[in-house]
């Protein structure tokens, strides 16, 4: 795997070099001191993965990510020590196509970087996702095993997203009014230390209040909840939310599939499931379960996706009622929710 480093700090670049060299099949393609250099180098020599700093001179990591994903796209992992006070920039970069974010490792007194394990885990996950084989159709399950519940719940909107998700989610929430008559739960692939920042960033743009989902809280009409840990968010039979560790072998945590499946099983009413931009297939099977349970299901269309992976997988599974550009999803939600009888 060819990896490029974009960082204006020599000591951070050296820490990243030392970590990458511990894995035999990882090769350093090139390094750049700022975003402008990275854009030029990537155009001439596109690596498999770029480790992109956030705050740099000349051109920051957000603009560099936007330009690279527009002209010479490749996997980008934001590696930064400047998250505090710059959370909006993190999610802007993810909106343009960065896959994930991790803290910059630091050189310890021993000379080996601290935080290297977290970085390598992120790189391994991205490597797995890039080469991930499609799930087989035999993995689809019937909703017949799920028992019906006599008491109905208010309408629920569930949204799953990965690469490019923050911007897509914001595009939906900014178009919903404060009296939107449904509960909303969001599963975005993001490390738990950045989930509160995502909720704050979305809250600043939304008429609906946005906050992280706490264990044992309930979805409420007029409120948006965002999964907040690396464990999977699930809806329980008593309609409270909780976090579980299993299944442990999923590439991304929290999993969209795990939450969609639990919502299809336990929510005592109807709703709308939305699958947005993202790499891989997470959420496709879960969206199919929601559709089988009588929910309306929406997938983001290819032209408005940063990565048309998860929505495409859902379409191929027959899990989608309609495919829409991201800017049309909010109006579709308003219409479909108004049609649901509580």
C-alpha atoms as a PDB file:
ATOM      1  CA  UNK A   1       0.000   0.000   0.000  1.00  0.00           C
ATOM      2  CA  UNK A   2       1.473   3.341  -1.093  1.00  0.00           C
ATOM      3  CA  UNK A   3       0.939   6.054   1.508  1.00  0.00           C
ATOM      4  CA  UNK A   4       1.625   9.797   1.219  1.00  0.00           C
ATOM      5  CA  UNK A   5       2.137  12.180   4.161  1.00  0.00           C
ATOM      6  CA  UNK A   6       0.945  15.796   4.123  1.00  0.00           C
ATOM      7  CA  UNK A   7       2.075  17.698   7.219  1.00  0.00           C
ATOM      8  CA  UNK A   8       3.908  20.973   7.787  1.00  0.00           C
ATOM      9  CA  UNK A   9       5.568  19.792  11.017  1.00  0.00           C
ATOM     10  CA  UNK A  10       8.818  17.861  10.607  1.00  0.00           C
ATOM     11  CA  UNK A  11       8.487  15.998  13.898  1.00  0.00           C
ATOM     12  CA  UNK A  12       4.947  14.867  13.042  1.00  0.00           C
ATOM     13  CA  UNK A  13       6.067  13.740   9.591  1.00  0.00           C
ATOM     14  CA  UNK A  14       8.895  11.742  11.142  1.00  0.00           C
ATOM     15  CA  UNK A  15       6.514  10.111  13.621  1.00  0.00           C
ATOM     16  CA  UNK A  16       4.233   9.062  10.769  1.00  0.00           C
ATOM     17  CA  UNK A  17       7.181   7.726   8.757  1.00  0.00           C
ATOM     18  CA  UNK A  18       8.347   5.556  11.651  1.00  0.00           C
ATOM     19  CA  UNK A  19       4.885   4.108  12.156  1.00  0.00           C
ATOM     20  CA  UNK A  20       4.322   3.346   8.469  1.00  0.00           C
ATOM     21  CA  UNK A  21       7.685   1.599   8.197  1.00  0.00           C
ATOM     22  CA  UNK A  22       6.698  -0.917  10.875  1.00  0.00           C
ATOM     23  CA  UNK A  23       4.360  -2.618   8.389  1.00  0.00           C
ATOM     24  CA  UNK A  24       6.228  -4.492   5.617  1.00  0.00           C
ATOM     25  CA  UNK A  25       3.760  -3.859   2.782  1.00  0.00           C
ATOM     26  CA  UNK A  26       3.317  -0.138   3.533  1.00  0.00           C
ATOM     27  CA  UNK A  27       5.491   2.148   1.396  1.00  0.00           C
ATOM     28  CA  UNK A  28       5.872   5.928   1.691  1.00  0.00           C
ATOM     29  CA  UNK A  29       5.031   7.334  -1.750  1.00  0.00           C
ATOM     30  CA  UNK A  30       5.929  10.963  -1.021  1.00  0.00           C
ATOM     31  CA  UNK A  31       5.499  13.731   1.526  1.00  0.00           C
ATOM     32  CA  UNK A  32       4.330  17.351   1.248  1.00  0.00           C
ATOM     33  CA  UNK A  33       4.621  20.366   3.567  1.00  0.00           C
ATOM     34  CA  UNK A  34       1.262  21.950   2.682  1.00  0.00           C
ATOM     35  CA  UNK A  35      -1.975  21.284   0.848  1.00  0.00           C
ATOM     36  CA  UNK A  36      -0.900  22.977  -2.376  1.00  0.00           C
ATOM     37  CA  UNK A  37       2.153  20.717  -2.667  1.00  0.00           C
ATOM     38  CA  UNK A  38      -0.059  17.717  -1.963  1.00  0.00           C
ATOM     39  CA  UNK A  39      -2.494  18.610  -4.752  1.00  0.00           C
ATOM     40  CA  UNK A  40       0.354  18.927  -7.275  1.00  0.00           C
ATOM     41  CA  UNK A  41       2.118  15.737  -6.168  1.00  0.00           C
ATOM     42  CA  UNK A  42      -1.099  13.740  -6.098  1.00  0.00           C
ATOM     43  CA  UNK A  43      -1.916  14.782  -9.663  1.00  0.00           C
ATOM     44  CA  UNK A  44       1.439  13.395 -10.828  1.00  0.00           C
ATOM     45  CA  UNK A  45       1.622  10.367  -8.523  1.00  0.00           C
ATOM     46  CA  UNK A  46      -1.662   9.308  -6.918  1.00  0.00           C
ATOM     47  CA  UNK A  47      -1.051   7.100  -3.848  1.00  0.00           C
ATOM     48  CA  UNK A  48      -3.434   4.568  -2.314  1.00  0.00           C
ATOM     49  CA  UNK A  49      -3.835   6.666   0.835  1.00  0.00           C
ATOM     50  CA  UNK A  50      -2.971  10.184   1.996  1.00  0.00           C
ATOM     51  CA  UNK A  51      -2.420  11.041   5.665  1.00  0.00           C
ATOM     52  CA  UNK A  52      -3.638  14.645   5.592  1.00  0.00           C
ATOM     53  CA  UNK A  53      -2.996  17.282   8.256  1.00  0.00           C
ATOM     54  CA  UNK A  54      -5.742  19.830   8.854  1.00  0.00           C
ATOM     55  CA  UNK A  55      -4.113  23.205   9.593  1.00  0.00           C
ATOM     56  CA  UNK A  56      -1.220  24.053   7.247  1.00  0.00           C
ATOM     57  CA  UNK A  57       0.195  27.142   5.497  1.00  0.00           C
ATOM     58  CA  UNK A  58      -0.573  28.021   1.848  1.00  0.00           C
ATOM     59  CA  UNK A  59      -3.510  25.579   1.636  1.00  0.00           C
ATOM     60  CA  UNK A  60      -5.190  23.744   4.502  1.00  0.00           C
ATOM     61  CA  UNK A  61      -6.257  20.111   4.572  1.00  0.00           C
ATOM     62  CA  UNK A  62      -9.895  20.904   3.820  1.00  0.00           C
ATOM     63  CA  UNK A  63      -9.203  22.632   0.508  1.00  0.00           C
ATOM     64  CA  UNK A  64      -6.522  20.088  -0.405  1.00  0.00           C
ATOM     65  CA  UNK A  65      -8.997  17.267   0.208  1.00  0.00           C
ATOM     66  CA  UNK A  66     -11.617  18.994  -1.954  1.00  0.00           C
ATOM     67  CA  UNK A  67      -9.204  19.488  -4.860  1.00  0.00           C
ATOM     68  CA  UNK A  68      -7.695  16.016  -4.672  1.00  0.00           C
ATOM     69  CA  UNK A  69     -11.078  14.296  -4.550  1.00  0.00           C
ATOM     70  CA  UNK A  70     -12.189  16.381  -7.551  1.00  0.00           C
ATOM     71  CA  UNK A  71      -9.152  15.808  -9.781  1.00  0.00           C
ATOM     72  CA  UNK A  72      -7.084  12.806  -8.620  1.00  0.00           C
ATOM     73  CA  UNK A  73      -9.202  10.984  -6.013  1.00  0.00           C
ATOM     74  CA  UNK A  74      -7.757   8.532  -3.527  1.00  0.00           C
ATOM     75  CA  UNK A  75      -8.382   7.491   0.068  1.00  0.00           C
ATOM     76  CA  UNK A  76      -7.682  10.307   2.558  1.00  0.00           C
ATOM     77  CA  UNK A  77      -7.307   9.970   6.333  1.00  0.00           C
ATOM     78  CA  UNK A  78      -7.221  13.219   8.320  1.00  0.00           C
ATOM     79  CA  UNK A  79      -4.349  13.001  10.820  1.00  0.00           C
ATOM     80  CA  UNK A  80      -4.257  16.116  12.960  1.00  0.00           C
ATOM     81  CA  UNK A  81      -3.369  17.461  16.391  1.00  0.00           C
ATOM     82  CA  UNK A  82      -5.606  20.517  15.987  1.00  0.00           C
ATOM     83  CA  UNK A  83      -9.096  19.096  16.438  1.00  0.00           C
ATOM     84  CA  UNK A  84      -9.967  21.319  19.410  1.00  0.00           C
ATOM     85  CA  UNK A  85     -11.520  24.501  18.054  1.00  0.00           C
ATOM     86  CA  UNK A  86     -11.469  23.194  14.487  1.00  0.00           C
ATOM     87  CA  UNK A  87     -14.102  20.434  14.552  1.00  0.00           C
ATOM     88  CA  UNK A  88     -16.009  22.114  11.718  1.00  0.00           C
ATOM     89  CA  UNK A  89     -12.939  21.772   9.483  1.00  0.00           C
ATOM     90  CA  UNK A  90     -12.738  18.054  10.271  1.00  0.00           C
ATOM     91  CA  UNK A  91     -16.272  17.493   9.035  1.00  0.00           C
ATOM     92  CA  UNK A  92     -15.833  19.792   6.051  1.00  0.00           C
ATOM     93  CA  UNK A  93     -12.923  17.589   4.968  1.00  0.00           C
ATOM     94  CA  UNK A  94     -15.006  14.463   5.511  1.00  0.00           C
ATOM     95  CA  UNK A  95     -17.755  16.089   3.492  1.00  0.00           C
ATOM     96  CA  UNK A  96     -15.341  16.428   0.585  1.00  0.00           C
ATOM     97  CA  UNK A  97     -14.341  12.783   0.809  1.00  0.00           C
ATOM     98  CA  UNK A  98     -11.903  12.167   3.674  1.00  0.00           C
ATOM     99  CA  UNK A  99     -12.681   8.741   5.094  1.00  0.00           C
ATOM    100  CA  UNK A 100     -11.935   9.249   8.768  1.00  0.00           C
ATOM    101  CA  UNK A 101      -9.940  11.243  11.296  1.00  0.00           C
ATOM    102  CA  UNK A 102      -7.369  10.319  13.933  1.00  0.00           C
ATOM    103  CA  UNK A 103      -5.084  12.230  16.287  1.00  0.00           C
ATOM    104  CA  UNK A 104      -1.499  12.775  15.175  1.00  0.00           C
ATOM    105  CA  UNK A 105       0.893  10.381  16.940  1.00  0.00           C
ATOM    106  CA  UNK A 106       3.686  12.027  18.930  1.00  0.00           C
ATOM    107  CA  UNK A 107       7.273  10.900  19.391  1.00  0.00           C
ATOM    108  CA  UNK A 108       7.699   9.537  22.912  1.00  0.00           C
ATOM    109  CA  UNK A 109      10.847   9.536  25.011  1.00  0.00           C
ATOM    110  CA  UNK A 110      11.694   6.089  23.668  1.00  0.00           C
ATOM    111  CA  UNK A 111      11.738   7.418  20.130  1.00  0.00           C
ATOM    112  CA  UNK A 112       8.697   5.366  19.141  1.00  0.00           C
ATOM    113  CA  UNK A 113       5.554   7.382  18.386  1.00  0.00           C
ATOM    114  CA  UNK A 114       2.708   7.233  20.883  1.00  0.00           C
ATOM    115  CA  UNK A 115      -0.658   6.707  19.233  1.00  0.00           C
ATOM    116  CA  UNK A 116       0.757   4.551  16.471  1.00  0.00           C
ATOM    117  CA  UNK A 117      -1.642   1.673  17.146  1.00  0.00           C
ATOM    118  CA  UNK A 118      -4.700   3.858  16.552  1.00  0.00           C
ATOM    119  CA  UNK A 119      -3.286   5.153  13.286  1.00  0.00           C
ATOM    120  CA  UNK A 120      -2.398   1.673  12.032  1.00  0.00           C
ATOM    121  CA  UNK A 121      -5.871   0.425  12.940  1.00  0.00           C
ATOM    122  CA  UNK A 122      -7.422   3.212  10.853  1.00  0.00           C
ATOM    123  CA  UNK A 123      -5.121   2.448   7.917  1.00  0.00           C
ATOM    124  CA  UNK A 124      -5.935  -1.263   8.143  1.00  0.00           C
ATOM    125  CA  UNK A 125      -9.665  -0.512   8.102  1.00  0.00           C
ATOM    126  CA  UNK A 126      -9.326   1.730   5.055  1.00  0.00           C
ATOM    127  CA  UNK A 127      -7.227  -0.907   3.299  1.00  0.00           C
ATOM    128  CA  UNK A 128      -9.918  -3.484   3.999  1.00  0.00           C
ATOM    129  CA  UNK A 129     -12.677  -1.215   2.733  1.00  0.00           C
ATOM    130  CA  UNK A 130     -10.844  -0.346  -0.464  1.00  0.00           C
ATOM    131  CA  UNK A 131     -10.534  -4.014  -1.349  1.00  0.00           C
ATOM    132  CA  UNK A 132     -13.732  -5.202   0.288  1.00  0.00           C
ATOM    133  CA  UNK A 133     -15.604  -7.880  -1.659  1.00  0.00           C
ATOM    134  CA  UNK A 134     -19.366  -7.516  -2.170  1.00  0.00           C
ATOM    135  CA  UNK A 135     -21.639  -9.208   0.313  1.00  0.00           C
ATOM    136  CA  UNK A 136     -23.596 -12.134  -1.080  1.00  0.00           C
ATOM    137  CA  UNK A 137     -27.307 -11.858  -1.669  1.00  0.00           C
ATOM    138  CA  UNK A 138     -27.796 -14.920   0.517  1.00  0.00           C
ATOM    139  CA  UNK A 139     -27.013 -12.691   3.488  1.00  0.00           C
ATOM    140  CA  UNK A 140     -30.415 -11.044   3.086  1.00  0.00           C
ATOM    141  CA  UNK A 141     -32.871 -12.075   5.777  1.00  0.00           C
ATOM    142  CA  UNK A 142     -36.626 -12.092   5.849  1.00  0.00           C
ATOM    143  CA  UNK A 143     -38.486  -9.806   8.187  1.00  0.00           C
ATOM    144  CA  UNK A 144     -40.941 -12.608   8.922  1.00  0.00           C
ATOM    145  CA  UNK A 145     -38.945 -13.600  11.995  1.00  0.00           C
ATOM    146  CA  UNK A 146     -39.615 -10.249  13.590  1.00  0.00           C
ATOM    147  CA  UNK A 147     -42.747 -10.145  15.717  1.00  0.00           C
ATOM    148  CA  UNK A 148     -45.187  -7.279  15.316  1.00  0.00           C
ATOM    149  CA  UNK A 149     -45.890  -4.928  18.195  1.00  0.00           C
ATOM    150  CA  UNK A 150     -49.434  -3.805  19.004  1.00  0.00           C
ATOM    151  CA  UNK A 151     -48.701  -0.259  20.219  1.00  0.00           C
ATOM    152  CA  UNK A 152     -47.530   2.132  17.533  1.00  0.00           C
ATOM    153  CA  UNK A 153     -44.736   4.651  17.929  1.00  0.00           C
ATOM    154  CA  UNK A 154     -44.425   8.090  16.305  1.00  0.00           C
ATOM    155  CA  UNK A 155     -42.672   8.336  12.925  1.00  0.00           C
ATOM    156  CA  UNK A 156     -38.924   7.737  12.961  1.00  0.00           C
ATOM    157  CA  UNK A 157     -36.283   8.785  10.435  1.00  0.00           C
ATOM    158  CA  UNK A 158     -33.044   6.796  10.493  1.00  0.00           C
ATOM    159  CA  UNK A 159     -30.035   7.991   8.502  1.00  0.00           C
ATOM    160  CA  UNK A 160     -26.813   6.117   7.771  1.00  0.00           C
ATOM    161  CA  UNK A 161     -23.718   7.651   6.192  1.00  0.00           C
ATOM    162  CA  UNK A 162     -19.972   7.288   5.799  1.00  0.00           C
ATOM    163  CA  UNK A 163     -17.582   9.063   3.416  1.00  0.00           C
ATOM    164  CA  UNK A 164     -18.962  12.513   2.665  1.00  0.00           C
ATOM    165  CA  UNK A 165     -21.727  11.974   5.185  1.00  0.00           C
ATOM    166  CA  UNK A 166     -21.388  15.070   7.379  1.00  0.00           C
ATOM    167  CA  UNK A 167     -22.033  17.454   4.492  1.00  0.00           C
ATOM    168  CA  UNK A 168     -24.879  15.296   3.156  1.00  0.00           C
ATOM    169  CA  UNK A 169     -26.515  15.097   6.586  1.00  0.00           C
ATOM    170  CA  UNK A 170     -26.172  18.854   7.008  1.00  0.00           C
ATOM    171  CA  UNK A 171     -27.796  19.371   3.608  1.00  0.00           C
ATOM    172  CA  UNK A 172     -30.823  17.417   4.846  1.00  0.00           C
ATOM    173  CA  UNK A 173     -31.100  18.901   8.339  1.00  0.00           C
ATOM    174  CA  UNK A 174     -30.815  22.507   7.156  1.00  0.00           C
ATOM    175  CA  UNK A 175     -33.914  21.928   5.021  1.00  0.00           C
ATOM    176  CA  UNK A 176     -36.074  20.585   7.883  1.00  0.00           C
ATOM    177  CA  UNK A 177     -38.128  22.999   9.990  1.00  0.00           C
ATOM    178  CA  UNK A 178     -38.153  23.035  13.792  1.00  0.00           C
ATOM    179  CA  UNK A 179     -41.655  21.509  13.796  1.00  0.00           C
ATOM    180  CA  UNK A 180     -40.644  18.439  11.746  1.00  0.00           C
ATOM    181  CA  UNK A 181     -43.012  15.763  13.177  1.00  0.00           C
ATOM    182  CA  UNK A 182     -40.630  12.825  13.552  1.00  0.00           C
ATOM    183  CA  UNK A 183     -37.737  11.572  15.637  1.00  0.00           C
ATOM    184  CA  UNK A 184     -34.367  11.370  13.856  1.00  0.00           C
ATOM    185  CA  UNK A 185     -31.423   9.054  14.589  1.00  0.00           C
ATOM    186  CA  UNK A 186     -28.139   9.312  12.672  1.00  0.00           C
ATOM    187  CA  UNK A 187     -25.395   6.712  12.302  1.00  0.00           C
ATOM    188  CA  UNK A 188     -22.287   8.323  10.817  1.00  0.00           C
ATOM    189  CA  UNK A 189     -19.009   6.432  10.544  1.00  0.00           C
ATOM    190  CA  UNK A 190     -16.799   8.580  12.782  1.00  0.00           C
ATOM    191  CA  UNK A 191     -14.461   7.847  15.677  1.00  0.00           C
ATOM    192  CA  UNK A 192     -16.075   8.376  19.089  1.00  0.00           C
ATOM    193  CA  UNK A 193     -13.782  11.259  20.079  1.00  0.00           C
ATOM    194  CA  UNK A 194     -15.123  13.261  17.142  1.00  0.00           C
ATOM    195  CA  UNK A 195     -18.829  12.404  17.518  1.00  0.00           C
ATOM    196  CA  UNK A 196     -19.575  15.269  19.962  1.00  0.00           C
ATOM    197  CA  UNK A 197     -17.964  17.716  17.539  1.00  0.00           C
ATOM    198  CA  UNK A 198     -20.100  16.351  14.714  1.00  0.00           C
ATOM    199  CA  UNK A 199     -23.274  16.808  16.780  1.00  0.00           C
ATOM    200  CA  UNK A 200     -22.263  20.381  17.682  1.00  0.00           C
ATOM    201  CA  UNK A 201     -21.448  21.198  14.068  1.00  0.00           C
ATOM    202  CA  UNK A 202     -24.792  19.851  12.847  1.00  0.00           C
ATOM    203  CA  UNK A 203     -26.662  21.566  15.680  1.00  0.00           C
ATOM    204  CA  UNK A 204     -25.276  24.941  14.600  1.00  0.00           C
ATOM    205  CA  UNK A 205     -26.828  24.467  11.161  1.00  0.00           C
ATOM    206  CA  UNK A 206     -30.116  22.800  12.068  1.00  0.00           C
ATOM    207  CA  UNK A 207     -33.442  24.200  13.257  1.00  0.00           C
ATOM    208  CA  UNK A 208     -33.916  20.887  15.063  1.00  0.00           C
ATOM    209  CA  UNK A 209     -31.783  20.306  18.186  1.00  0.00           C
ATOM    210  CA  UNK A 210     -28.947  17.850  17.530  1.00  0.00           C
ATOM    211  CA  UNK A 211     -27.170  15.959  20.309  1.00  0.00           C
ATOM    212  CA  UNK A 212     -25.295  12.719  20.854  1.00  0.00           C
ATOM    213  CA  UNK A 213     -27.383   9.668  21.720  1.00  0.00           C
ATOM    214  CA  UNK A 214     -26.894   8.646  25.338  1.00  0.00           C
ATOM    215  CA  UNK A 215     -27.450   5.075  26.522  1.00  0.00           C
ATOM    216  CA  UNK A 216     -31.065   4.367  27.541  1.00  0.00           C
ATOM    217  CA  UNK A 217     -32.458   7.574  26.035  1.00  0.00           C
ATOM    218  CA  UNK A 218     -35.439   7.376  23.667  1.00  0.00           C
ATOM    219  CA  UNK A 219     -35.867   8.875  20.202  1.00  0.00           C
ATOM    220  CA  UNK A 220     -38.149  11.918  20.482  1.00  0.00           C
ATOM    221  CA  UNK A 221     -40.191  13.801  17.915  1.00  0.00           C
ATOM    222  CA  UNK A 222     -38.421  17.024  16.959  1.00  0.00           C
ATOM    223  CA  UNK A 223     -34.993  15.907  18.158  1.00  0.00           C
ATOM    224  CA  UNK A 224     -31.960  14.568  16.256  1.00  0.00           C
ATOM    225  CA  UNK A 225     -29.705  11.996  17.949  1.00  0.00           C
ATOM    226  CA  UNK A 226     -26.227  11.052  16.678  1.00  0.00           C
ATOM    227  CA  UNK A 227     -24.434   7.791  17.562  1.00  0.00           C
ATOM    228  CA  UNK A 228     -21.535   8.731  19.836  1.00  0.00           C
ATOM    229  CA  UNK A 229     -19.274   5.711  20.498  1.00  0.00           C
ATOM    230  CA  UNK A 230     -17.255   3.083  18.646  1.00  0.00           C
ATOM    231  CA  UNK A 231     -19.777   0.483  19.803  1.00  0.00           C
ATOM    232  CA  UNK A 232     -22.914  -0.168  17.762  1.00  0.00           C
ATOM    233  CA  UNK A 233     -26.021   1.875  18.532  1.00  0.00           C
ATOM    234  CA  UNK A 234     -29.184  -0.249  18.734  1.00  0.00           C
ATOM    235  CA  UNK A 235     -32.859   0.274  19.432  1.00  0.00           C
ATOM    236  CA  UNK A 236     -34.060  -2.074  22.179  1.00  0.00           C
ATOM    237  CA  UNK A 237     -37.461  -3.706  22.648  1.00  0.00           C
ATOM    238  CA  UNK A 238     -38.433  -1.056  25.234  1.00  0.00           C
ATOM    239  CA  UNK A 239     -37.689   1.606  22.564  1.00  0.00           C
ATOM    240  CA  UNK A 240     -34.615   2.941  24.356  1.00  0.00           C
ATOM    241  CA  UNK A 241     -31.245   3.281  22.652  1.00  0.00           C
ATOM    242  CA  UNK A 242     -28.154   1.455  23.823  1.00  0.00           C
ATOM    243  CA  UNK A 243     -24.627   0.553  22.731  1.00  0.00           C
ATOM    244  CA  UNK A 244     -23.351  -2.998  22.160  1.00  0.00           C
ATOM    245  CA  UNK A 245     -19.922  -4.378  21.242  1.00  0.00           C
ATOM    246  CA  UNK A 246     -21.113  -7.256  19.045  1.00  0.00           C
ATOM    247  CA  UNK A 247     -20.583  -7.946  16.213  1.00  0.00           C
ATOM    248  CA  UNK A 248     -16.905  -7.151  16.716  1.00  0.00           C
ATOM    249  CA  UNK A 249     -15.668  -7.963  13.201  1.00  0.00           C
ATOM    250  CA  UNK A 250     -17.464  -5.148  11.360  1.00  0.00           C
ATOM    251  CA  UNK A 251     -15.085  -2.837   9.484  1.00  0.00           C
ATOM    252  CA  UNK A 252     -16.844   0.308  10.669  1.00  0.00           C
ATOM    253  CA  UNK A 253     -18.196   1.076  14.110  1.00  0.00           C
ATOM    254  CA  UNK A 254     -20.889   2.128  14.730  1.00  0.00           C
ATOM    255  CA  UNK A 255     -22.571   0.016  12.046  1.00  0.00           C
ATOM    256  CA  UNK A 256     -25.494   1.333  10.027  1.00  0.00           C
ATOM    257  CA  UNK A 257     -26.698  -2.223   9.360  1.00  0.00           C
ATOM    258  CA  UNK A 258     -26.807  -3.075  13.060  1.00  0.00           C
ATOM    259  CA  UNK A 259     -28.929  -0.034  13.892  1.00  0.00           C
ATOM    260  CA  UNK A 260     -31.257  -0.333  10.889  1.00  0.00           C
ATOM    261  CA  UNK A 261     -31.869  -3.990  11.748  1.00  0.00           C
ATOM    262  CA  UNK A 262     -32.748  -3.145  15.359  1.00  0.00           C
ATOM    263  CA  UNK A 263     -35.095  -0.355  14.232  1.00  0.00           C
ATOM    264  CA  UNK A 264     -36.866  -2.695  11.818  1.00  0.00           C
ATOM    265  CA  UNK A 265     -37.305  -5.234  14.591  1.00  0.00           C
ATOM    266  CA  UNK A 266     -38.380  -3.057  17.512  1.00  0.00           C
ATOM    267  CA  UNK A 267     -39.874   0.255  16.361  1.00  0.00           C
ATOM    268  CA  UNK A 268     -43.644  -0.040  16.768  1.00  0.00           C
ATOM    269  CA  UNK A 269     -44.555   2.159  13.871  1.00  0.00           C
ATOM    270  CA  UNK A 270     -43.375   3.188  10.457  1.00  0.00           C
ATOM    271  CA  UNK A 271     -40.726   5.581   9.324  1.00  0.00           C
ATOM    272  CA  UNK A 272     -38.214   6.434   6.641  1.00  0.00           C
ATOM    273  CA  UNK A 273     -34.754   4.926   6.243  1.00  0.00           C
ATOM    274  CA  UNK A 274     -32.116   6.968   4.421  1.00  0.00           C
ATOM    275  CA  UNK A 275     -28.748   5.691   3.188  1.00  0.00           C
ATOM    276  CA  UNK A 276     -26.262   8.345   2.149  1.00  0.00           C
ATOM    277  CA  UNK A 277     -22.837   8.542   0.545  1.00  0.00           C
ATOM    278  CA  UNK A 278     -20.192   6.082   1.713  1.00  0.00           C
ATOM    279  CA  UNK A 279     -17.696   3.411   0.783  1.00  0.00           C
ATOM    280  CA  UNK A 280     -18.559  -0.264   1.123  1.00  0.00           C
ATOM    281  CA  UNK A 281     -21.943  -1.893   1.774  1.00  0.00           C
ATOM    282  CA  UNK A 282     -22.829  -1.001   5.363  1.00  0.00           C
ATOM    283  CA  UNK A 283     -26.525  -0.182   5.669  1.00  0.00           C
ATOM    284  CA  UNK A 284     -27.674  -1.901   2.469  1.00  0.00           C
ATOM    285  CA  UNK A 285     -28.984  -5.054   4.127  1.00  0.00           C
ATOM    286  CA  UNK A 286     -30.447  -3.074   7.028  1.00  0.00           C
ATOM    287  CA  UNK A 287     -32.275  -0.777   4.620  1.00  0.00           C
ATOM    288  CA  UNK A 288     -33.765  -3.876   2.999  1.00  0.00           C
ATOM    289  CA  UNK A 289     -35.063  -5.030   6.377  1.00  0.00           C
ATOM    290  CA  UNK A 290     -36.670  -1.641   6.940  1.00  0.00           C
ATOM    291  CA  UNK A 291     -38.369  -1.819   3.547  1.00  0.00           C
ATOM    292  CA  UNK A 292     -39.609  -5.333   4.300  1.00  0.00           C
ATOM    293  CA  UNK A 293     -41.078  -3.977   7.544  1.00  0.00           C
ATOM    294  CA  UNK A 294     -43.111  -1.412   5.604  1.00  0.00           C
ATOM    295  CA  UNK A 295     -40.811   1.596   5.855  1.00  0.00           C
ATOM    296  CA  UNK A 296     -40.187   4.009   3.007  1.00  0.00           C
ATOM    297  CA  UNK A 297     -36.513   3.817   2.004  1.00  0.00           C
ATOM    298  CA  UNK A 298     -34.361   6.412   0.256  1.00  0.00           C
ATOM    299  CA  UNK A 299     -30.859   6.175  -1.216  1.00  0.00           C
ATOM    300  CA  UNK A 300     -28.757   9.159  -2.241  1.00  0.00           C
ATOM    301  CA  UNK A 301     -28.151   9.251  -5.988  1.00  0.00           C
ATOM    302  CA  UNK A 302     -24.740   8.752  -7.559  1.00  0.00           C
ATOM    303  CA  UNK A 303     -24.183  12.287  -8.832  1.00  0.00           C
ATOM    304  CA  UNK A 304     -24.569  13.862  -5.371  1.00  0.00           C
ATOM    305  CA  UNK A 305     -22.500  11.219  -3.530  1.00  0.00           C
ATOM    306  CA  UNK A 306     -18.844  11.626  -2.655  1.00  0.00           C
ATOM    307  CA  UNK A 307     -18.619   7.817  -2.852  1.00  0.00           C
ATOM    308  CA  UNK A 308     -21.493   5.870  -4.433  1.00  0.00           C
ATOM    309  CA  UNK A 309     -20.850   2.645  -2.526  1.00  0.00           C
ATOM    310  CA  UNK A 310     -23.388   2.125   0.255  1.00  0.00           C
ATOM    311  CA  UNK A 311     -26.366   3.549  -1.689  1.00  0.00           C
ATOM    312  CA  UNK A 312     -25.407   1.547  -4.782  1.00  0.00           C
ATOM    313  CA  UNK A 313     -25.273  -1.660  -2.746  1.00  0.00           C
ATOM    314  CA  UNK A 314     -28.740  -0.924  -1.367  1.00  0.00           C
ATOM    315  CA  UNK A 315     -30.146  -0.317  -4.856  1.00  0.00           C
ATOM    316  CA  UNK A 316     -28.621  -3.574  -6.095  1.00  0.00           C
ATOM    317  CA  UNK A 317     -30.245  -5.455  -3.194  1.00  0.00           C
ATOM    318  CA  UNK A 318     -33.673  -4.054  -4.020  1.00  0.00           C
ATOM    319  CA  UNK A 319     -33.730  -2.276  -0.658  1.00  0.00           C
ATOM    320  CA  UNK A 320     -34.614   1.185  -1.993  1.00  0.00           C
ATOM    321  CA  UNK A 321     -38.033   2.731  -2.620  1.00  0.00           C
ATOM    322  CA  UNK A 322     -36.609   5.818  -4.315  1.00  0.00           C
ATOM    323  CA  UNK A 323     -33.237   7.287  -5.285  1.00  0.00           C
ATOM    324  CA  UNK A 324     -32.853  11.042  -4.816  1.00  0.00           C
ATOM    325  CA  UNK A 325     -30.214  13.792  -4.984  1.00  0.00           C
ATOM    326  CA  UNK A 326     -29.256  14.886  -1.488  1.00  0.00           C
ATOM    327  CA  UNK A 327     -30.918  18.286  -1.863  1.00  0.00           C
ATOM    328  CA  UNK A 328     -34.294  16.595  -2.516  1.00  0.00           C
ATOM    329  CA  UNK A 329     -34.250  14.207   0.438  1.00  0.00           C
ATOM    330  CA  UNK A 330     -35.562  16.641   3.066  1.00  0.00           C
ATOM    331  CA  UNK A 331     -38.703  17.479   1.079  1.00  0.00           C
ATOM    332  CA  UNK A 332     -39.283  13.764   0.500  1.00  0.00           C
ATOM    333  CA  UNK A 333     -39.008  13.170   4.248  1.00  0.00           C
ATOM    334  CA  UNK A 334     -41.579  15.869   4.991  1.00  0.00           C
ATOM    335  CA  UNK A 335     -44.016  14.343   2.497  1.00  0.00           C
ATOM    336  CA  UNK A 336     -43.577  10.737   3.597  1.00  0.00           C
ATOM    337  CA  UNK A 337     -43.718  11.511   7.313  1.00  0.00           C
ATOM    338  CA  UNK A 338     -46.955  13.458   6.808  1.00  0.00           C
ATOM    339  CA  UNK A 339     -48.449  10.359   5.169  1.00  0.00           C
ATOM    340  CA  UNK A 340     -47.698   8.105   8.152  1.00  0.00           C
ATOM    341  CA  UNK A 341     -50.681   7.461  10.404  1.00  0.00           C
ATOM    342  CA  UNK A 342     -49.701   7.308  14.085  1.00  0.00           C
END
